[in-house]
Amino acid sequence: MQVSDKTQKLLEEIGLKYIETIVERRGTLALRVSCNGKRAVLKLQSEDGSKEASYKARLLVGEAEILSKIPHLTNQLYMDHGNNNGRQWLLVREINGEEVNQAAKRIRESTASIKERTPYLLKL
């Protein structure tokens, strides 16, 4: 999946190279990008101009403020954020590891397995 010309221009203006689209839904676009040779994740407000996109833009600003103010508590995730022609964006370090949906599935499955093996715990 390629990005729009407008998004590609934004990437060039902030010095990022597009790698792939992670997700685009509900007013937010998340891209895997390269920043000075290091992989990062760029979260940005969707281009659609919907109320959902405006709401997500406010959330991105709040998230950026939190991450930038408490780097010691967020494992130094924050890299940069800004506004480009009315589109909010947030750049964070990519963390190698299991994706959230995979981790949630694994935890649900292990919890179900524990319940099956120890039904008496549910009665306590």
PDB file of N, CA and C in Angstrom:
ATOM      1  N   MET A   1       0.847  -1.181   0.000  1.00  0.00           N
ATOM      2  CA  MET A   1       0.000   0.000   0.000  1.00  0.00           C
ATOM      3  C   MET A   1       0.891   1.243   0.000  1.00  0.00           C
ATOM      4  N   GLN A   2       0.657   2.112  -0.918  1.00  0.00           N
ATOM      5  CA  GLN A   2       1.399   3.362  -0.997  1.00  0.00           C
ATOM      6  C   GLN A   2       0.616   4.476  -0.304  1.00  0.00           C
ATOM      7  N   VAL A   3       1.294   5.558   0.009  1.00  0.00           N
ATOM      8  CA  VAL A   3       0.646   6.693   0.651  1.00  0.00           C
ATOM      9  C   VAL A   3       0.279   7.733  -0.405  1.00  0.00           C
ATOM     10  N   SER A   4      -0.613   8.630  -0.041  1.00  0.00           N
ATOM     11  CA  SER A   4      -1.037   9.691  -0.962  1.00  0.00           C
ATOM     12  C   SER A   4       0.115  10.659  -1.217  1.00  0.00           C
ATOM     13  N   ASP A   5      -0.027  11.440  -2.257  1.00  0.00           N
ATOM     14  CA  ASP A   5       0.987  12.453  -2.580  1.00  0.00           C
ATOM     15  C   ASP A   5       1.146  13.455  -1.436  1.00  0.00           C
ATOM     16  N   LYS A   6       0.031  13.811  -0.812  1.00  0.00           N
ATOM     17  CA  LYS A   6       0.061  14.758   0.304  1.00  0.00           C
ATOM     18  C   LYS A   6       0.851  14.184   1.488  1.00  0.00           C
ATOM     19  N   THR A   7       0.634  12.914   1.776  1.00  0.00           N
ATOM     20  CA  THR A   7       1.365  12.268   2.866  1.00  0.00           C
ATOM     21  C   THR A   7       2.838  12.112   2.504  1.00  0.00           C
ATOM     22  N   GLN A   8       3.124  11.760   1.265  1.00  0.00           N
ATOM     23  CA  GLN A   8       4.516  11.630   0.816  1.00  0.00           C
ATOM     24  C   GLN A   8       5.248  12.965   0.951  1.00  0.00           C
ATOM     25  N   LYS A   9       4.566  14.055   0.615  1.00  0.00           N
ATOM     26  CA  LYS A   9       5.164  15.388   0.746  1.00  0.00           C
ATOM     27  C   LYS A   9       5.461  15.691   2.214  1.00  0.00           C
ATOM     28  N   LEU A  10       4.524  15.340   3.112  1.00  0.00           N
ATOM     29  CA  LEU A  10       4.736  15.534   4.547  1.00  0.00           C
ATOM     30  C   LEU A  10       5.973  14.767   5.008  1.00  0.00           C
ATOM     31  N   LEU A  11       6.103  13.513   4.569  1.00  0.00           N
ATOM     32  CA  LEU A  11       7.262  12.693   4.940  1.00  0.00           C
ATOM     33  C   LEU A  11       8.562  13.358   4.504  1.00  0.00           C
ATOM     34  N   GLU A  12       8.594  13.863   3.283  1.00  0.00           N
ATOM     35  CA  GLU A  12       9.792  14.528   2.769  1.00  0.00           C
ATOM     36  C   GLU A  12      10.112  15.784   3.562  1.00  0.00           C
ATOM     37  N   GLU A  13       9.085  16.549   3.916  1.00  0.00           N
ATOM     38  CA  GLU A  13       9.289  17.799   4.654  1.00  0.00           C
ATOM     39  C   GLU A  13       9.852  17.574   6.047  1.00  0.00           C
ATOM     40  N   ILE A  14       9.487  16.456   6.676  1.00  0.00           N
ATOM     41  CA  ILE A  14      10.011  16.202   8.027  1.00  0.00           C
ATOM     42  C   ILE A  14      11.168  15.199   8.016  1.00  0.00           C
ATOM     43  N   GLY A  15      11.649  14.856   6.824  1.00  0.00           N
ATOM     44  CA  GLY A  15      12.865  14.058   6.695  1.00  0.00           C
ATOM     45  C   GLY A  15      12.705  12.575   6.962  1.00  0.00           C
ATOM     46  N   LEU A  16      11.576  12.003   6.556  1.00  0.00           N
ATOM     47  CA  LEU A  16      11.323  10.582   6.788  1.00  0.00           C
ATOM     48  C   LEU A  16      11.194   9.838   5.470  1.00  0.00           C
ATOM     49  N   LYS A  17      11.526   8.557   5.506  1.00  0.00           N
ATOM     50  CA  LYS A  17      11.375   7.703   4.336  1.00  0.00           C
ATOM     51  C   LYS A  17      10.312   6.649   4.647  1.00  0.00           C
ATOM     52  N   TYR A  18       9.329   6.542   3.762  1.00  0.00           N
ATOM     53  CA  TYR A  18       8.236   5.591   3.926  1.00  0.00           C
ATOM     54  C   TYR A  18       8.728   4.159   3.765  1.00  0.00           C
ATOM     55  N   ILE A  19       8.320   3.276   4.693  1.00  0.00           N
ATOM     56  CA  ILE A  19       8.606   1.845   4.581  1.00  0.00           C
ATOM     57  C   ILE A  19       7.319   1.095   4.285  1.00  0.00           C
ATOM     58  N   GLU A  20       6.321   1.243   5.163  1.00  0.00           N
ATOM     59  CA  GLU A  20       5.047   0.571   4.945  1.00  0.00           C
ATOM     60  C   GLU A  20       3.958   1.180   5.811  1.00  0.00           C
ATOM     61  N   THR A  21       2.723   0.930   5.404  1.00  0.00           N
ATOM     62  CA  THR A  21       1.572   1.364   6.183  1.00  0.00           C
ATOM     63  C   THR A  21       1.253   0.280   7.203  1.00  0.00           C
ATOM     64  N   ILE A  22       1.143   0.685   8.459  1.00  0.00           N
ATOM     65  CA  ILE A  22       0.790  -0.256   9.517  1.00  0.00           C
ATOM     66  C   ILE A  22      -0.728  -0.379   9.599  1.00  0.00           C
ATOM     67  N   VAL A  23      -1.392   0.769   9.692  1.00  0.00           N
ATOM     68  CA  VAL A  23      -2.852   0.763   9.784  1.00  0.00           C
ATOM     69  C   VAL A  23      -3.394   2.126   9.379  1.00  0.00           C
ATOM     70  N   GLU A  24      -4.584   2.123   8.804  1.00  0.00           N
ATOM     71  CA  GLU A  24      -5.301   3.357   8.512  1.00  0.00           C
ATOM     72  C   GLU A  24      -6.757   3.115   8.861  1.00  0.00           C
ATOM     73  N   ARG A  25      -7.186   3.740   9.954  1.00  0.00           N
ATOM     74  CA  ARG A  25      -8.579   3.573  10.369  1.00  0.00           C
ATOM     75  C   ARG A  25      -8.954   4.612  11.401  1.00  0.00           C
ATOM     76  N   ARG A  26     -10.216   4.876  11.452  1.00  0.00           N
ATOM     77  CA  ARG A  26     -10.820   5.758  12.452  1.00  0.00           C
ATOM     78  C   ARG A  26     -10.050   7.065  12.665  1.00  0.00           C
ATOM     79  N   GLY A  27      -9.714   7.733  11.567  1.00  0.00           N
ATOM     80  CA  GLY A  27      -9.116   9.055  11.671  1.00  0.00           C
ATOM     81  C   GLY A  27      -7.621   9.097  11.897  1.00  0.00           C
ATOM     82  N   THR A  28      -6.962   7.940  11.945  1.00  0.00           N
ATOM     83  CA  THR A  28      -5.519   7.899  12.185  1.00  0.00           C
ATOM     84  C   THR A  28      -4.830   7.027  11.151  1.00  0.00           C
ATOM     85  N   LEU A  29      -3.652   7.455  10.760  1.00  0.00           N
ATOM     86  CA  LEU A  29      -2.805   6.701   9.847  1.00  0.00           C
ATOM     87  C   LEU A  29      -1.503   6.418  10.587  1.00  0.00           C
ATOM     88  N   ALA A  30      -1.070   5.170  10.620  1.00  0.00           N
ATOM     89  CA  ALA A  30       0.199   4.806  11.256  1.00  0.00           C
ATOM     90  C   ALA A  30       1.104   4.196  10.194  1.00  0.00           C
ATOM     91  N   LEU A  31       2.310   4.764  10.073  1.00  0.00           N
ATOM     92  CA  LEU A  31       3.261   4.327   9.057  1.00  0.00           C
ATOM     93  C   LEU A  31       4.562   3.890   9.708  1.00  0.00           C
ATOM     94  N   ARG A  32       5.170   2.868   9.162  1.00  0.00           N
ATOM     95  CA  ARG A  32       6.534   2.504   9.549  1.00  0.00           C
ATOM     96  C   ARG A  32       7.432   3.310   8.625  1.00  0.00           C
ATOM     97  N   VAL A  33       8.370   4.050   9.217  1.00  0.00           N
ATOM     98  CA  VAL A  33       9.233   4.938   8.454  1.00  0.00           C
ATOM     99  C   VAL A  33      10.683   4.762   8.890  1.00  0.00           C
ATOM    100  N   SER A  34      11.568   5.376   8.129  1.00  0.00           N
ATOM    101  CA  SER A  34      12.980   5.404   8.468  1.00  0.00           C
ATOM    102  C   SER A  34      13.358   6.851   8.765  1.00  0.00           C
ATOM    103  N   CYS A  35      14.032   7.052   9.890  1.00  0.00           N
ATOM    104  CA  CYS A  35      14.472   8.385  10.311  1.00  0.00           C
ATOM    105  C   CYS A  35      15.962   8.308  10.603  1.00  0.00           C
ATOM    106  N   ASN A  36      16.758   8.900   9.736  1.00  0.00           N
ATOM    107  CA  ASN A  36      18.220   8.826   9.883  1.00  0.00           C
ATOM    108  C   ASN A  36      18.712   7.390   9.994  1.00  0.00           C
ATOM    109  N   GLY A  37      18.131   6.512   9.201  1.00  0.00           N
ATOM    110  CA  GLY A  37      18.541   5.112   9.168  1.00  0.00           C
ATOM    111  C   GLY A  37      17.928   4.238  10.252  1.00  0.00           C
ATOM    112  N   LYS A  38      17.162   4.832  11.165  1.00  0.00           N
ATOM    113  CA  LYS A  38      16.521   4.055  12.235  1.00  0.00           C
ATOM    114  C   LYS A  38      15.030   3.963  11.968  1.00  0.00           C
ATOM    115  N   ARG A  39      14.471   2.795  12.282  1.00  0.00           N
ATOM    116  CA  ARG A  39      13.037   2.598  12.073  1.00  0.00           C
ATOM    117  C   ARG A  39      12.239   3.289  13.171  1.00  0.00           C
ATOM    118  N   ALA A  40      11.124   3.867  12.746  1.00  0.00           N
ATOM    119  CA  ALA A  40      10.253   4.584  13.671  1.00  0.00           C
ATOM    120  C   ALA A  40       8.816   4.402  13.196  1.00  0.00           C
ATOM    121  N   VAL A  41       7.887   4.870  14.013  1.00  0.00           N
ATOM    122  CA  VAL A  41       6.472   4.831  13.663  1.00  0.00           C
ATOM    123  C   VAL A  41       5.959   6.268  13.652  1.00  0.00           C
ATOM    124  N   LEU A  42       5.309   6.624  12.558  1.00  0.00           N
ATOM    125  CA  LEU A  42       4.704   7.933  12.422  1.00  0.00           C
ATOM    126  C   LEU A  42       3.192   7.770  12.511  1.00  0.00           C
ATOM    127  N   LYS A  43       2.610   8.419  13.505  1.00  0.00           N
ATOM    128  CA  LYS A  43       1.153   8.436  13.636  1.00  0.00           C
ATOM    129  C   LYS A  43       0.705   9.805  13.172  1.00  0.00           C
ATOM    130  N   LEU A  44      -0.274   9.845  12.278  1.00  0.00           N
ATOM    131  CA  LEU A  44      -0.757  11.125  11.837  1.00  0.00           C
ATOM    132  C   LEU A  44      -2.251  11.121  11.602  1.00  0.00           C
ATOM    133  N   GLN A  45      -2.779  12.312  11.654  1.00  0.00           N
ATOM    134  CA  GLN A  45      -4.197  12.532  11.445  1.00  0.00           C
ATOM    135  C   GLN A  45      -4.539  12.166  10.007  1.00  0.00           C
ATOM    136  N   SER A  46      -5.618  11.467   9.834  1.00  0.00           N
ATOM    137  CA  SER A  46      -6.087  11.092   8.505  1.00  0.00           C
ATOM    138  C   SER A  46      -6.419  12.334   7.689  1.00  0.00           C
ATOM    139  N   GLU A  47      -6.352  12.206   6.380  1.00  0.00           N
ATOM    140  CA  GLU A  47      -6.614  13.331   5.483  1.00  0.00           C
ATOM    141  C   GLU A  47      -8.090  13.584   5.241  1.00  0.00           C
ATOM    142  N   ASP A  48      -8.971  12.715   5.717  1.00  0.00           N
ATOM    143  CA  ASP A  48     -10.372  12.780   5.300  1.00  0.00           C
ATOM    144  C   ASP A  48     -11.169  13.980   5.826  1.00  0.00           C
ATOM    145  N   GLY A  49     -10.637  14.714   6.811  1.00  0.00           N
ATOM    146  CA  GLY A  49     -11.327  15.892   7.314  1.00  0.00           C
ATOM    147  C   GLY A  49     -12.565  15.608   8.146  1.00  0.00           C
ATOM    148  N   SER A  50     -12.748  14.361   8.554  1.00  0.00           N
ATOM    149  CA  SER A  50     -13.923  13.982   9.334  1.00  0.00           C
ATOM    150  C   SER A  50     -13.811  14.459  10.779  1.00  0.00           C
ATOM    151  N   LYS A  51     -14.925  14.395  11.499  1.00  0.00           N
ATOM    152  CA  LYS A  51     -14.913  14.721  12.923  1.00  0.00           C
ATOM    153  C   LYS A  51     -13.993  13.769  13.674  1.00  0.00           C
ATOM    154  N   GLU A  52     -13.996  12.509  13.246  1.00  0.00           N
ATOM    155  CA  GLU A  52     -13.131  11.502  13.880  1.00  0.00           C
ATOM    156  C   GLU A  52     -11.665  11.885  13.724  1.00  0.00           C
ATOM    157  N   ALA A  53     -11.283  12.360  12.536  1.00  0.00           N
ATOM    158  CA  ALA A  53      -9.901  12.765  12.291  1.00  0.00           C
ATOM    159  C   ALA A  53      -9.530  13.968  13.165  1.00  0.00           C
ATOM    160  N   SER A  54     -10.447  14.909  13.332  1.00  0.00           N
ATOM    161  CA  SER A  54     -10.189  16.075  14.188  1.00  0.00           C
ATOM    162  C   SER A  54     -10.014  15.656  15.642  1.00  0.00           C
ATOM    163  N   TYR A  55     -10.843  14.733  16.085  1.00  0.00           N
ATOM    164  CA  TYR A  55     -10.736  14.208  17.445  1.00  0.00           C
ATOM    165  C   TYR A  55      -9.404  13.496  17.644  1.00  0.00           C
ATOM    166  N   LYS A  56      -9.021  12.659  16.671  1.00  0.00           N
ATOM    167  CA  LYS A  56      -7.745  11.934  16.752  1.00  0.00           C
ATOM    168  C   LYS A  56      -6.567  12.898  16.744  1.00  0.00           C
ATOM    169  N   ALA A  57      -6.691  14.012  16.036  1.00  0.00           N
ATOM    170  CA  ALA A  57      -5.619  15.019  16.019  1.00  0.00           C
ATOM    171  C   ALA A  57      -5.390  15.566  17.424  1.00  0.00           C
ATOM    172  N   ARG A  58      -6.480  15.854  18.141  1.00  0.00           N
ATOM    173  CA  ARG A  58      -6.345  16.343  19.524  1.00  0.00           C
ATOM    174  C   ARG A  58      -5.702  15.288  20.415  1.00  0.00           C
ATOM    175  N   LEU A  59      -6.062  14.025  20.201  1.00  0.00           N
ATOM    176  CA  LEU A  59      -5.448  12.944  20.972  1.00  0.00           C
ATOM    177  C   LEU A  59      -3.948  12.840  20.693  1.00  0.00           C
ATOM    178  N   LEU A  60      -3.559  13.004  19.425  1.00  0.00           N
ATOM    179  CA  LEU A  60      -2.127  12.947  19.075  1.00  0.00           C
ATOM    180  C   LEU A  60      -1.345  14.057  19.773  1.00  0.00           C
ATOM    181  N   VAL A  61      -1.921  15.246  19.829  1.00  0.00           N
ATOM    182  CA  VAL A  61      -1.261  16.362  20.510  1.00  0.00           C
ATOM    183  C   VAL A  61      -1.079  16.028  21.988  1.00  0.00           C
ATOM    184  N   GLY A  62      -2.128  15.505  22.609  1.00  0.00           N
ATOM    185  CA  GLY A  62      -2.034  15.118  24.019  1.00  0.00           C
ATOM    186  C   GLY A  62      -1.016  14.021  24.251  1.00  0.00           C
ATOM    187  N   GLU A  63      -1.016  13.019  23.378  1.00  0.00           N
ATOM    188  CA  GLU A  63      -0.055  11.925  23.492  1.00  0.00           C
ATOM    189  C   GLU A  63       1.376  12.447  23.347  1.00  0.00           C
ATOM    190  N   ALA A  64       1.590  13.350  22.392  1.00  0.00           N
ATOM    191  CA  ALA A  64       2.918  13.932  22.176  1.00  0.00           C
ATOM    192  C   ALA A  64       3.383  14.693  23.416  1.00  0.00           C
ATOM    193  N   GLU A  65       2.489  15.468  24.012  1.00  0.00           N
ATOM    194  CA  GLU A  65       2.849  16.230  25.206  1.00  0.00           C
ATOM    195  C   GLU A  65       3.242  15.313  26.351  1.00  0.00           C
ATOM    196  N   ILE A  66       2.486  14.251  26.549  1.00  0.00           N
ATOM    197  CA  ILE A  66       2.794  13.312  27.630  1.00  0.00           C
ATOM    198  C   ILE A  66       4.133  12.622  27.372  1.00  0.00           C
ATOM    199  N   LEU A  67       4.299  12.078  26.165  1.00  0.00           N
ATOM    200  CA  LEU A  67       5.531  11.350  25.859  1.00  0.00           C
ATOM    201  C   LEU A  67       6.766  12.240  25.945  1.00  0.00           C
ATOM    202  N   SER A  68       6.640  13.490  25.548  1.00  0.00           N
ATOM    203  CA  SER A  68       7.793  14.390  25.570  1.00  0.00           C
ATOM    204  C   SER A  68       8.147  14.853  26.971  1.00  0.00           C
ATOM    205  N   LYS A  69       7.179  14.866  27.876  1.00  0.00           N
ATOM    206  CA  LYS A  69       7.423  15.376  29.229  1.00  0.00           C
ATOM    207  C   LYS A  69       7.899  14.312  30.207  1.00  0.00           C
ATOM    208  N   ILE A  70       7.628  13.040  29.921  1.00  0.00           N
ATOM    209  CA  ILE A  70       8.032  11.986  30.856  1.00  0.00           C
ATOM    210  C   ILE A  70       8.786  10.862  30.129  1.00  0.00           C
ATOM    211  N   PRO A  71       9.881  11.203  29.462  1.00  0.00           N
ATOM    212  CA  PRO A  71      10.589  10.188  28.676  1.00  0.00           C
ATOM    213  C   PRO A  71      11.110   9.022  29.518  1.00  0.00           C
ATOM    214  N   HIS A  72      11.452   9.284  30.769  1.00  0.00           N
ATOM    215  CA  HIS A  72      11.964   8.220  31.639  1.00  0.00           C
ATOM    216  C   HIS A  72      10.895   7.177  31.960  1.00  0.00           C
ATOM    217  N   LEU A  73       9.612   7.552  31.866  1.00  0.00           N
ATOM    218  CA  LEU A  73       8.531   6.611  32.133  1.00  0.00           C
ATOM    219  C   LEU A  73       8.009   5.931  30.867  1.00  0.00           C
ATOM    220  N   THR A  74       8.389   6.445  29.725  1.00  0.00           N
ATOM    221  CA  THR A  74       7.880   5.907  28.464  1.00  0.00           C
ATOM    222  C   THR A  74       8.977   5.263  27.626  1.00  0.00           C
ATOM    223  N   ASN A  75      10.069   4.907  28.264  1.00  0.00           N
ATOM    224  CA  ASN A  75      11.164   4.207  27.592  1.00  0.00           C
ATOM    225  C   ASN A  75      11.709   5.008  26.408  1.00  0.00           C
ATOM    226  N   GLN A  76      11.739   6.315  26.555  1.00  0.00           N
ATOM    227  CA  GLN A  76      12.296   7.199  25.522  1.00  0.00           C
ATOM    228  C   GLN A  76      11.634   7.001  24.161  1.00  0.00           C
ATOM    229  N   LEU A  77      10.334   6.754  24.125  1.00  0.00           N
ATOM    230  CA  LEU A  77       9.620   6.543  22.866  1.00  0.00           C
ATOM    231  C   LEU A  77       9.554   7.794  21.996  1.00  0.00           C
ATOM    232  N   TYR A  78       9.343   8.930  22.618  1.00  0.00           N
ATOM    233  CA  TYR A  78       9.110  10.173  21.880  1.00  0.00           C
ATOM    234  C   TYR A  78      10.326  10.571  21.051  1.00  0.00           C
ATOM    235  N   MET A  79      10.056  10.937  19.792  1.00  0.00           N
ATOM    236  CA  MET A  79      11.103  11.463  18.923  1.00  0.00           C
ATOM    237  C   MET A  79      10.790  12.894  18.495  1.00  0.00           C
ATOM    238  N   ASP A  80       9.549  13.141  18.034  1.00  0.00           N
ATOM    239  CA  ASP A  80       9.185  14.470  17.549  1.00  0.00           C
ATOM    240  C   ASP A  80       7.673  14.509  17.302  1.00  0.00           C
ATOM    241  N   HIS A  81       7.138  15.699  17.178  1.00  0.00           N
ATOM    242  CA  HIS A  81       5.740  15.860  16.772  1.00  0.00           C
ATOM    243  C   HIS A  81       5.576  17.231  16.139  1.00  0.00           C
ATOM    244  N   GLY A  82       4.452  17.425  15.464  1.00  0.00           N
ATOM    245  CA  GLY A  82       4.227  18.718  14.846  1.00  0.00           C
ATOM    246  C   GLY A  82       2.904  18.793  14.122  1.00  0.00           C
ATOM    247  N   ASN A  83       2.750  19.897  13.414  1.00  0.00           N
ATOM    248  CA  ASN A  83       1.560  20.165  12.623  1.00  0.00           C
ATOM    249  C   ASN A  83       2.047  20.555  11.238  1.00  0.00           C
ATOM    250  N   ASN A  84       1.560  19.873  10.217  1.00  0.00           N
ATOM    251  CA  ASN A  84       1.958  20.156   8.850  1.00  0.00           C
ATOM    252  C   ASN A  84       0.710  20.430   8.035  1.00  0.00           C
ATOM    253  N   ASN A  85       0.514  21.698   7.694  1.00  0.00           N
ATOM    254  CA  ASN A  85      -0.661  22.114   6.915  1.00  0.00           C
ATOM    255  C   ASN A  85      -1.965  21.616   7.539  1.00  0.00           C
ATOM    256  N   GLY A  86      -2.052  21.733   8.864  1.00  0.00           N
ATOM    257  CA  GLY A  86      -3.275  21.343   9.563  1.00  0.00           C
ATOM    258  C   GLY A  86      -3.362  19.877   9.957  1.00  0.00           C
ATOM    259  N   ARG A  87      -2.367  19.080   9.601  1.00  0.00           N
ATOM    260  CA  ARG A  87      -2.354  17.650   9.986  1.00  0.00           C
ATOM    261  C   ARG A  87      -1.374  17.434  11.128  1.00  0.00           C
ATOM    262  N   GLN A  88      -1.893  16.942  12.236  1.00  0.00           N
ATOM    263  CA  GLN A  88      -1.043  16.625  13.383  1.00  0.00           C
ATOM    264  C   GLN A  88      -0.308  15.320  13.133  1.00  0.00           C
ATOM    265  N   TRP A  89       0.931  15.236  13.636  1.00  0.00           N
ATOM    266  CA  TRP A  89       1.687  13.998  13.518  1.00  0.00           C
ATOM    267  C   TRP A  89       2.547  13.799  14.756  1.00  0.00           C
ATOM    268  N   LEU A  90       2.885  12.543  15.010  1.00  0.00           N
ATOM    269  CA  LEU A  90       3.707  12.153  16.152  1.00  0.00           C
ATOM    270  C   LEU A  90       4.655  11.059  15.687  1.00  0.00           C
ATOM    271  N   LEU A  91       5.939  11.249  15.956  1.00  0.00           N
ATOM    272  CA  LEU A  91       6.961  10.276  15.586  1.00  0.00           C
ATOM    273  C   LEU A  91       7.497   9.614  16.853  1.00  0.00           C
ATOM    274  N   VAL A  92       7.425   8.285  16.910  1.00  0.00           N
ATOM    275  CA  VAL A  92       7.917   7.532  18.068  1.00  0.00           C
ATOM    276  C   VAL A  92       8.857   6.430  17.608  1.00  0.00           C
ATOM    277  N   ARG A  93       9.734   6.024  18.517  1.00  0.00           N
ATOM    278  CA  ARG A  93      10.636   4.914  18.230  1.00  0.00           C
ATOM    279  C   ARG A  93       9.837   3.650  17.995  1.00  0.00           C
ATOM    280  N   GLU A  94      10.306   2.838  17.069  1.00  0.00           N
ATOM    281  CA  GLU A  94       9.689   1.531  16.881  1.00  0.00           C
ATOM    282  C   GLU A  94      10.304   0.581  17.904  1.00  0.00           C
ATOM    283  N   ILE A  95       9.460  -0.169  18.548  1.00  0.00           N
ATOM    284  CA  ILE A  95       9.929  -1.144  19.524  1.00  0.00           C
ATOM    285  C   ILE A  95       9.788  -2.521  18.905  1.00  0.00           C
ATOM    286  N   ASN A  96      10.882  -3.236  18.838  1.00  0.00           N
ATOM    287  CA  ASN A  96      10.831  -4.596  18.319  1.00  0.00           C
ATOM    288  C   ASN A  96      10.143  -5.487  19.331  1.00  0.00           C
ATOM    289  N   GLY A  97       9.350  -6.368  18.821  1.00  0.00           N
ATOM    290  CA  GLY A  97       8.663  -7.292  19.716  1.00  0.00           C
ATOM    291  C   GLY A  97       7.313  -7.675  19.174  1.00  0.00           C
ATOM    292  N   GLU A  98       6.551  -8.264  20.036  1.00  0.00           N
ATOM    293  CA  GLU A  98       5.241  -8.769  19.670  1.00  0.00           C
ATOM    294  C   GLU A  98       4.256  -7.613  19.490  1.00  0.00           C
ATOM    295  N   GLU A  99       3.446  -7.681  18.444  1.00  0.00           N
ATOM    296  CA  GLU A  99       2.439  -6.651  18.241  1.00  0.00           C
ATOM    297  C   GLU A  99       1.325  -6.817  19.265  1.00  0.00           C
ATOM    298  N   VAL A 100       0.644  -5.731  19.562  1.00  0.00           N
ATOM    299  CA  VAL A 100      -0.364  -5.713  20.622  1.00  0.00           C
ATOM    300  C   VAL A 100      -1.452  -6.761  20.391  1.00  0.00           C
ATOM    301  N   ASN A 101      -1.971  -6.849  19.163  1.00  0.00           N
ATOM    302  CA  ASN A 101      -3.055  -7.803  18.929  1.00  0.00           C
ATOM    303  C   ASN A 101      -2.573  -9.244  19.089  1.00  0.00           C
ATOM    304  N   GLN A 102      -1.316  -9.507  18.744  1.00  0.00           N
ATOM    305  CA  GLN A 102      -0.771 -10.851  18.937  1.00  0.00           C
ATOM    306  C   GLN A 102      -0.592 -11.150  20.423  1.00  0.00           C
ATOM    307  N   ALA A 103      -0.110 -10.172  21.175  1.00  0.00           N
ATOM    308  CA  ALA A 103       0.064 -10.360  22.621  1.00  0.00           C
ATOM    309  C   ALA A 103      -1.281 -10.586  23.300  1.00  0.00           C
ATOM    310  N   ALA A 104      -2.298  -9.815  22.916  1.00  0.00           N
ATOM    311  CA  ALA A 104      -3.629  -9.969  23.509  1.00  0.00           C
ATOM    312  C   ALA A 104      -4.194 -11.351  23.217  1.00  0.00           C
ATOM    313  N   LYS A 105      -4.026 -11.818  21.996  1.00  0.00           N
ATOM    314  CA  LYS A 105      -4.515 -13.156  21.625  1.00  0.00           C
ATOM    315  C   LYS A 105      -3.809 -14.234  22.452  1.00  0.00           C
ATOM    316  N   ARG A 106      -2.495 -14.097  22.586  1.00  0.00           N
ATOM    317  CA  ARG A 106      -1.718 -15.071  23.359  1.00  0.00           C
ATOM    318  C   ARG A 106      -2.173 -15.082  24.818  1.00  0.00           C
ATOM    319  N   ILE A 107      -2.411 -13.914  25.387  1.00  0.00           N
ATOM    320  CA  ILE A 107      -2.844 -13.826  26.790  1.00  0.00           C
ATOM    321  C   ILE A 107      -4.234 -14.417  26.962  1.00  0.00           C
ATOM    322  N   ARG A 108      -5.146 -14.114  26.027  1.00  0.00           N
ATOM    323  CA  ARG A 108      -6.495 -14.697  26.108  1.00  0.00           C
ATOM    324  C   ARG A 108      -6.435 -16.212  26.051  1.00  0.00           C
ATOM    325  N   GLU A 109      -5.616 -16.733  25.141  1.00  0.00           N
ATOM    326  CA  GLU A 109      -5.504 -18.184  24.999  1.00  0.00           C
ATOM    327  C   GLU A 109      -4.897 -18.821  26.244  1.00  0.00           C
ATOM    328  N   SER A 110      -3.879 -18.182  26.824  1.00  0.00           N
ATOM    329  CA  SER A 110      -3.259 -18.760  28.017  1.00  0.00           C
ATOM    330  C   SER A 110      -4.203 -18.691  29.206  1.00  0.00           C
ATOM    331  N   THR A 111      -4.999 -17.621  29.301  1.00  0.00           N
ATOM    332  CA  THR A 111      -5.977 -17.495  30.383  1.00  0.00           C
ATOM    333  C   THR A 111      -7.051 -18.565  30.249  1.00  0.00           C
ATOM    334  N   ALA A 112      -7.519 -18.796  29.025  1.00  0.00           N
ATOM    335  CA  ALA A 112      -8.523 -19.838  28.795  1.00  0.00           C
ATOM    336  C   ALA A 112      -7.959 -21.202  29.160  1.00  0.00           C
ATOM    337  N   SER A 113      -6.705 -21.429  28.836  1.00  0.00           N
ATOM    338  CA  SER A 113      -6.051 -22.692  29.149  1.00  0.00           C
ATOM    339  C   SER A 113      -5.965 -22.901  30.665  1.00  0.00           C
ATOM    340  N   ILE A 114      -5.649 -21.847  31.398  1.00  0.00           N
ATOM    341  CA  ILE A 114      -5.558 -21.939  32.861  1.00  0.00           C
ATOM    342  C   ILE A 114      -6.928 -22.248  33.448  1.00  0.00           C
ATOM    343  N   LYS A 115      -7.967 -21.596  32.934  1.00  0.00           N
ATOM    344  CA  LYS A 115      -9.326 -21.834  33.436  1.00  0.00           C
ATOM    345  C   LYS A 115      -9.758 -23.272  33.191  1.00  0.00           C
ATOM    346  N   GLU A 116      -9.378 -23.831  32.058  1.00  0.00           N
ATOM    347  CA  GLU A 116      -9.729 -25.220  31.747  1.00  0.00           C
ATOM    348  C   GLU A 116      -9.021 -26.188  32.679  1.00  0.00           C
ATOM    349  N   ARG A 117      -7.773 -25.897  33.023  1.00  0.00           N
ATOM    350  CA  ARG A 117      -6.996 -26.802  33.868  1.00  0.00           C
ATOM    351  C   ARG A 117      -7.347 -26.675  35.343  1.00  0.00           C
ATOM    352  N   THR A 118      -7.845 -25.513  35.740  1.00  0.00           N
ATOM    353  CA  THR A 118      -8.115 -25.283  37.167  1.00  0.00           C
ATOM    354  C   THR A 118      -9.501 -24.680  37.383  1.00  0.00           C
ATOM    355  N   PRO A 119     -10.564 -25.426  37.078  1.00  0.00           N
ATOM    356  CA  PRO A 119     -11.917 -24.884  37.204  1.00  0.00           C
ATOM    357  C   PRO A 119     -12.291 -24.545  38.640  1.00  0.00           C
ATOM    358  N   TYR A 120     -11.666 -25.177  39.608  1.00  0.00           N
ATOM    359  CA  TYR A 120     -12.002 -24.917  41.006  1.00  0.00           C
ATOM    360  C   TYR A 120     -11.624 -23.500  41.408  1.00  0.00           C
ATOM    361  N   LEU A 121     -10.659 -22.875  40.750  1.00  0.00           N
ATOM    362  CA  LEU A 121     -10.275 -21.506  41.087  1.00  0.00           C
ATOM    363  C   LEU A 121     -11.406 -20.530  40.781  1.00  0.00           C
ATOM    364  N   LEU A 122     -12.214 -20.836  39.792  1.00  0.00           N
ATOM    365  CA  LEU A 122     -13.308 -19.953  39.419  1.00  0.00           C
ATOM    366  C   LEU A 122     -14.379 -19.911  40.499  1.00  0.00           C
ATOM    367  N   LYS A 123     -14.469 -20.932  41.325  1.00  0.00           N
ATOM    368  CA  LYS A 123     -15.483 -20.996  42.372  1.00  0.00           C
ATOM    369  C   LYS A 123     -15.057 -20.265  43.630  1.00  0.00           C
ATOM    370  N   LEU A 124     -13.793 -19.948  43.763  1.00  0.00           N
ATOM    371  CA  LEU A 124     -13.294 -19.293  44.970  1.00  0.00           C
ATOM    372  C   LEU A 124     -13.701 -17.850  45.084  1.00  0.00           C
TER     373      LEU A 124
END
